[in-house]
Amino acid sequence: MSFPPPLTTSTKDQAENPILFIFLGASNLARSLDGLKLCIKKCMLPRETFFLHAMGPGRGYVSRGGILNAVYSPILDSGIFEALRKKRIKNQQIVALITDIGNDIMYGASPDKIIGGLQYLYNFLDTFETNIFITSIPVDLDNDISELYFNILRKIYFPNSPVSYSQASNNIKSINQFILESSSQRISVIDDMKPFYGIDKIHYSILKSQVAWSHIAEKLTASFNINFAPELKASEVALSMVNNISRILLTDMLGIKKKTNETF
């Protein structure tokens, strides 16, 4: 009878230490956060997983934004990075998702400022040898949205935005170019999410959200020895959406319920 070779100390640490996932985003992430976390927890068992996240409808990375009286600080000023320094344990692997990039454009932030914010994220997370996954902005205004439709969407989602159709189009191209060119050993660009978006080209379609987040979860866990492919259930996505509405109303708007210690 043969036995597997004993694990070295470093291999044991990698196999037994919990994984820390960091999720950064806006409305798409907020809508499906709970389902995404549950999906990853299940497929990573028996290994423990912990999470830190900063998200919210209309949230920006370098700009203050939100909806109605639910206004969020920029993700870069949210306090999540200080929490990461305190929460991470020695030799712990970290996986970060940077998604829902684009709200800053509509708040009038320049491409240079947005790109500078993303570069800061890269540099900070690199100090922890983080595996970074980032989604590009999935819309090409010139081909996907007419100027009239853009103005309608801007009026609905960003009523105070001064940004024109041509400005937004040029800014998206500049930021996407930076994102695509930043691909490296530790930075993986997820550039295939366009088919999952709904008619507004901003949010994942309700009918495709389950598949979209299962696809992202698979990317985030691909480097680990997991028991089965991650797949969000429709019920988990639905529950996530309900929890998101509750979080926006009770925590972000009314302040009745406190944030969890993993939420920023």
Protein backbone atom coordinates (compact mmCIF):
# COMPACT_ATOMS: atom_id res chain seq x y z
CA MET A 1 0.00 0.00 0.00
CA SER A 2 1.40 3.40 -0.91
CA PHE A 3 0.82 6.59 1.02
CA PRO A 4 0.90 10.19 -0.24
CA PRO A 5 4.04 12.11 0.69
CA PRO A 6 3.72 14.31 3.80
CA LEU A 7 2.92 17.97 3.27
CA THR A 8 5.68 20.46 3.81
CA THR A 9 5.01 23.29 6.25
CA SER A 10 4.48 25.84 3.47
CA THR A 11 2.17 23.48 1.57
CA LYS A 12 0.24 22.81 4.77
CA ASP A 13 -0.19 26.54 5.31
CA GLN A 14 -1.54 26.96 1.79
CA ALA A 15 -3.90 24.01 2.16
CA GLU A 16 -5.19 24.84 5.63
CA ASN A 17 -5.10 28.61 5.97
CA PRO A 18 -8.40 30.33 5.20
CA ILE A 19 -8.65 32.33 1.99
CA LEU A 20 -9.53 36.02 2.15
CA PHE A 21 -11.67 37.33 -0.69
CA ILE A 22 -12.00 41.07 -1.30
CA PHE A 23 -14.92 42.25 -3.42
CA LEU A 24 -15.05 45.82 -4.74
CA GLY A 25 -17.92 47.07 -6.89
CA ALA A 26 -21.24 48.84 -7.19
CA SER A 27 -24.81 47.75 -7.96
CA ASN A 28 -24.11 44.51 -9.82
CA LEU A 29 -21.94 43.22 -6.99
CA ALA A 30 -24.38 44.42 -4.32
CA ARG A 31 -27.29 42.64 -6.01
CA SER A 32 -25.62 39.21 -5.94
CA LEU A 33 -23.11 39.50 -3.09
CA ASP A 34 -24.70 36.99 -0.71
CA GLY A 35 -25.13 34.35 -3.41
CA LEU A 36 -21.55 34.83 -4.58
CA LYS A 37 -20.18 34.43 -1.06
CA LEU A 38 -22.28 31.32 -0.37
CA CYS A 39 -21.29 29.77 -3.69
CA ILE A 40 -17.57 30.28 -3.01
CA LYS A 41 -17.84 29.05 0.59
CA LYS A 42 -19.47 25.80 -0.53
CA CYS A 43 -17.02 24.96 -3.30
CA MET A 44 -13.99 25.79 -1.11
CA LEU A 45 -15.01 23.44 1.75
CA PRO A 46 -13.46 22.21 4.00
CA ARG A 47 -11.16 25.20 3.66
CA GLU A 48 -12.44 28.32 5.40
CA THR A 49 -13.15 31.53 3.50
CA PHE A 50 -13.47 35.08 4.76
CA PHE A 51 -14.64 38.19 2.97
CA LEU A 52 -14.27 41.95 2.90
CA HIS A 53 -16.37 44.02 0.53
CA ALA A 54 -17.16 47.58 -0.45
CA MET A 55 -20.07 48.12 -2.79
CA GLY A 56 -23.40 49.89 -3.23
CA PRO A 57 -25.63 51.20 -6.02
CA GLY A 58 -23.95 54.05 -7.87
CA ARG A 59 -20.72 53.66 -5.90
CA GLY A 60 -17.49 55.02 -7.33
CA TYR A 61 -13.86 54.18 -6.76
CA VAL A 62 -12.58 57.76 -6.61
CA SER A 63 -15.87 59.70 -6.42
CA ARG A 64 -18.60 60.03 -3.82
CA GLY A 65 -21.88 58.67 -5.20
CA GLY A 66 -25.01 56.61 -4.66
CA ILE A 67 -28.78 56.81 -5.04
CA LEU A 68 -31.28 59.05 -3.25
CA ASN A 69 -29.99 59.52 0.32
CA ALA A 70 -27.86 56.36 0.20
CA VAL A 71 -24.56 58.09 -0.52
CA TYR A 72 -21.29 56.19 -0.34
CA SER A 73 -17.71 57.30 0.17
CA PRO A 74 -15.30 56.43 -2.66
CA ILE A 75 -14.14 52.84 -2.36
CA LEU A 76 -10.56 54.05 -2.03
CA ASP A 77 -11.60 56.01 1.09
CA SER A 78 -13.88 53.34 2.55
CA GLY A 79 -11.52 51.94 5.20
CA ILE A 80 -11.43 48.48 3.64
CA PHE A 81 -7.68 48.58 3.11
CA GLU A 82 -6.94 49.37 6.75
CA ALA A 83 -9.20 46.44 7.64
CA LEU A 84 -7.25 44.21 5.26
CA ARG A 85 -3.99 45.03 7.05
CA LYS A 86 -5.54 44.03 10.38
CA LYS A 87 -7.49 41.00 9.21
CA ARG A 88 -4.93 39.19 7.09
CA ILE A 89 -3.02 36.43 8.85
CA LYS A 90 0.52 35.31 8.01
CA ASN A 91 0.88 33.54 4.64
CA GLN A 92 -2.83 33.93 3.94
CA GLN A 93 -3.78 33.90 0.27
CA ILE A 94 -5.88 36.82 -0.93
CA VAL A 95 -8.11 37.03 -3.98
CA ALA A 96 -9.54 40.39 -5.03
CA LEU A 97 -12.34 41.21 -7.47
CA ILE A 98 -12.48 44.73 -8.89
CA THR A 99 -15.69 45.20 -10.82
CA ASP A 100 -18.48 47.66 -11.72
CA ILE A 101 -15.99 50.25 -12.97
CA GLY A 102 -17.64 53.17 -14.72
CA ASN A 103 -19.73 55.15 -12.26
CA ASP A 104 -16.82 57.52 -11.73
CA ILE A 105 -17.00 58.47 -15.40
CA MET A 106 -20.55 59.69 -14.97
CA TYR A 107 -19.59 61.68 -11.86
CA GLY A 108 -17.15 63.64 -13.99
CA ALA A 109 -13.89 62.07 -12.83
CA SER A 110 -11.17 62.26 -15.46
CA PRO A 111 -9.72 59.06 -17.00
CA ASP A 112 -6.37 59.91 -15.42
CA LYS A 113 -7.92 60.07 -11.96
CA ILE A 114 -9.80 56.80 -12.41
CA ILE A 115 -6.75 55.04 -13.84
CA GLY A 116 -4.66 56.46 -10.99
CA GLY A 117 -7.15 54.96 -8.52
CA LEU A 118 -6.95 51.56 -10.20
CA GLN A 119 -3.16 51.72 -10.21
CA TYR A 120 -3.22 52.51 -6.49
CA LEU A 121 -5.36 49.41 -5.96
CA TYR A 122 -2.95 47.29 -7.94
CA ASN A 123 0.05 48.59 -6.00
CA PHE A 124 -1.58 48.20 -2.59
CA LEU A 125 -2.88 44.70 -3.23
CA ASP A 126 0.43 43.64 -4.72
CA THR A 127 2.10 44.21 -1.35
CA PHE A 128 0.03 41.24 -0.12
CA GLU A 129 0.77 39.16 -3.25
CA THR A 130 -2.93 39.29 -4.06
CA ASN A 131 -4.41 37.50 -7.05
CA ILE A 132 -6.41 40.28 -8.69
CA PHE A 133 -9.35 39.85 -11.06
CA ILE A 134 -10.76 42.93 -12.78
CA THR A 135 -13.67 43.30 -15.18
CA SER A 136 -13.44 45.75 -18.05
CA ILE A 137 -16.24 48.22 -18.79
CA PRO A 138 -18.49 46.08 -21.01
CA VAL A 139 -20.07 48.75 -23.18
CA ASP A 140 -18.88 50.44 -26.37
CA LEU A 141 -21.09 53.50 -26.61
CA ASP A 142 -20.45 54.09 -30.30
CA ASN A 143 -21.74 50.63 -31.20
CA ASP A 144 -24.04 49.68 -28.33
CA ILE A 145 -25.98 52.80 -27.30
CA SER A 146 -27.27 55.77 -29.26
CA GLU A 147 -26.73 59.28 -27.95
CA LEU A 148 -30.47 59.63 -27.29
CA TYR A 149 -30.57 56.42 -25.25
CA PHE A 150 -27.43 57.49 -23.38
CA ASN A 151 -29.09 60.77 -22.40
CA ILE A 152 -32.18 58.90 -21.16
CA LEU A 153 -30.07 56.55 -19.04
CA ARG A 154 -28.03 59.45 -17.70
CA LYS A 155 -31.22 61.23 -16.65
CA ILE A 156 -32.44 58.11 -14.83
CA TYR A 157 -29.26 56.93 -13.11
CA PHE A 158 -27.09 60.07 -12.98
CA PRO A 159 -29.48 63.05 -13.12
CA ASN A 160 -26.80 65.54 -12.09
CA SER A 161 -24.09 64.24 -14.38
CA PRO A 162 -22.44 66.80 -16.67
CA VAL A 163 -20.81 64.16 -18.86
CA SER A 164 -21.62 64.13 -22.57
CA TYR A 165 -21.96 61.12 -24.84
CA SER A 166 -18.62 61.76 -26.55
CA GLN A 167 -16.83 62.30 -23.22
CA ALA A 168 -18.16 59.06 -21.80
CA SER A 169 -17.26 57.15 -24.96
CA ASN A 170 -13.68 58.42 -25.00
CA ASN A 171 -13.22 57.87 -21.27
CA ILE A 172 -14.45 54.27 -21.46
CA LYS A 173 -11.96 53.55 -24.24
CA SER A 174 -9.06 55.04 -22.25
CA ILE A 175 -9.89 53.15 -19.07
CA ASN A 176 -10.48 49.85 -20.87
CA GLN A 177 -7.17 50.20 -22.65
CA PHE A 178 -5.44 50.60 -19.28
CA ILE A 179 -7.29 47.60 -17.84
CA LEU A 180 -6.49 45.33 -20.77
CA GLU A 181 -2.83 46.35 -20.79
CA SER A 182 -2.52 45.71 -17.03
CA SER A 183 -2.97 41.96 -17.47
CA SER A 184 -0.04 40.15 -15.81
CA GLN A 185 0.84 37.12 -13.74
CA ARG A 186 -1.13 38.44 -10.77
CA ILE A 187 -3.76 40.53 -12.60
CA SER A 188 -6.39 38.67 -14.62
CA VAL A 189 -8.72 40.70 -16.81
CA ILE A 190 -12.27 39.38 -17.20
CA ASP A 191 -13.25 40.78 -20.57
CA ASP A 192 -16.13 38.52 -21.58
CA MET A 193 -19.06 39.80 -19.50
CA LYS A 194 -20.83 41.79 -22.22
CA PRO A 195 -23.33 39.01 -23.13
CA PHE A 196 -24.70 39.02 -19.57
CA TYR A 197 -25.81 42.66 -19.49
CA GLY A 198 -29.43 43.75 -19.77
CA ILE A 199 -31.08 46.37 -21.91
CA ASP A 200 -29.61 49.29 -19.96
CA LYS A 201 -26.04 48.03 -20.59
CA ILE A 202 -25.27 48.81 -16.92
CA HIS A 203 -26.72 45.91 -14.95
CA TYR A 204 -26.62 42.19 -15.52
CA SER A 205 -29.92 40.90 -16.86
CA ILE A 206 -32.03 39.32 -14.13
CA LEU A 207 -32.31 36.20 -16.31
CA LYS A 208 -28.53 36.02 -16.83
CA SER A 209 -27.26 37.19 -13.45
CA GLN A 210 -27.00 33.63 -12.10
CA VAL A 211 -24.79 32.53 -15.01
CA ALA A 212 -22.76 35.76 -14.92
CA TRP A 213 -21.77 35.39 -11.28
CA SER A 214 -21.18 31.64 -11.60
CA HIS A 215 -18.74 32.51 -14.40
CA ILE A 216 -16.94 35.05 -12.20
CA ALA A 217 -16.90 32.65 -9.22
CA GLU A 218 -15.26 30.04 -11.43
CA LYS A 219 -12.54 32.53 -12.37
CA LEU A 220 -11.91 33.45 -8.72
CA THR A 221 -11.56 29.85 -7.57
CA ALA A 222 -9.82 28.31 -10.60
CA SER A 223 -6.39 28.22 -8.96
CA PHE A 224 -7.62 26.26 -5.92
CA ASN A 225 -8.21 22.55 -5.55
CA ILE A 226 -11.98 22.69 -5.18
CA ASN A 227 -14.45 19.83 -5.01
CA PHE A 228 -16.86 21.05 -7.69
CA ALA A 229 -17.36 23.92 -10.08
CA PRO A 230 -18.97 26.96 -8.45
CA GLU A 231 -22.53 27.56 -9.54
CA LEU A 232 -24.96 30.03 -8.04
CA LYS A 233 -28.51 28.81 -7.68
CA ALA A 234 -31.43 30.91 -8.88
CA SER A 235 -32.77 30.93 -5.31
CA GLU A 236 -29.44 32.31 -4.03
CA VAL A 237 -29.49 35.12 -6.58
CA ALA A 238 -33.09 35.96 -5.67
CA LEU A 239 -32.29 35.98 -1.95
CA SER A 240 -29.26 38.18 -2.63
CA MET A 241 -31.44 40.73 -4.39
CA VAL A 242 -33.90 40.79 -1.49
CA ASN A 243 -31.04 41.19 0.99
CA ASN A 244 -29.60 44.00 -1.11
CA ILE A 245 -32.86 45.95 -1.00
CA SER A 246 -33.02 45.41 2.75
CA ARG A 247 -29.40 46.56 3.15
CA ILE A 248 -29.99 49.71 1.10
CA LEU A 249 -33.16 50.65 3.00
CA LEU A 250 -32.33 49.63 6.57
CA THR A 251 -28.58 50.27 6.66
CA ASP A 252 -27.57 52.70 3.92
CA MET A 253 -30.65 54.95 3.95
CA LEU A 254 -32.25 54.74 7.38
CA GLY A 255 -29.30 53.59 9.51
CA ILE A 256 -31.54 51.23 11.49
CA LYS A 257 -29.30 48.24 11.01
CA LYS A 258 -25.52 48.47 11.44
CA LYS A 259 -23.07 47.31 8.78
CA THR A 260 -21.35 43.99 9.35
CA ASN A 261 -17.65 44.15 10.20
CA GLU A 262 -16.80 42.93 6.69
CA THR A 263 -18.77 45.64 4.91
CA PHE A 264 -17.32 49.06 3.99
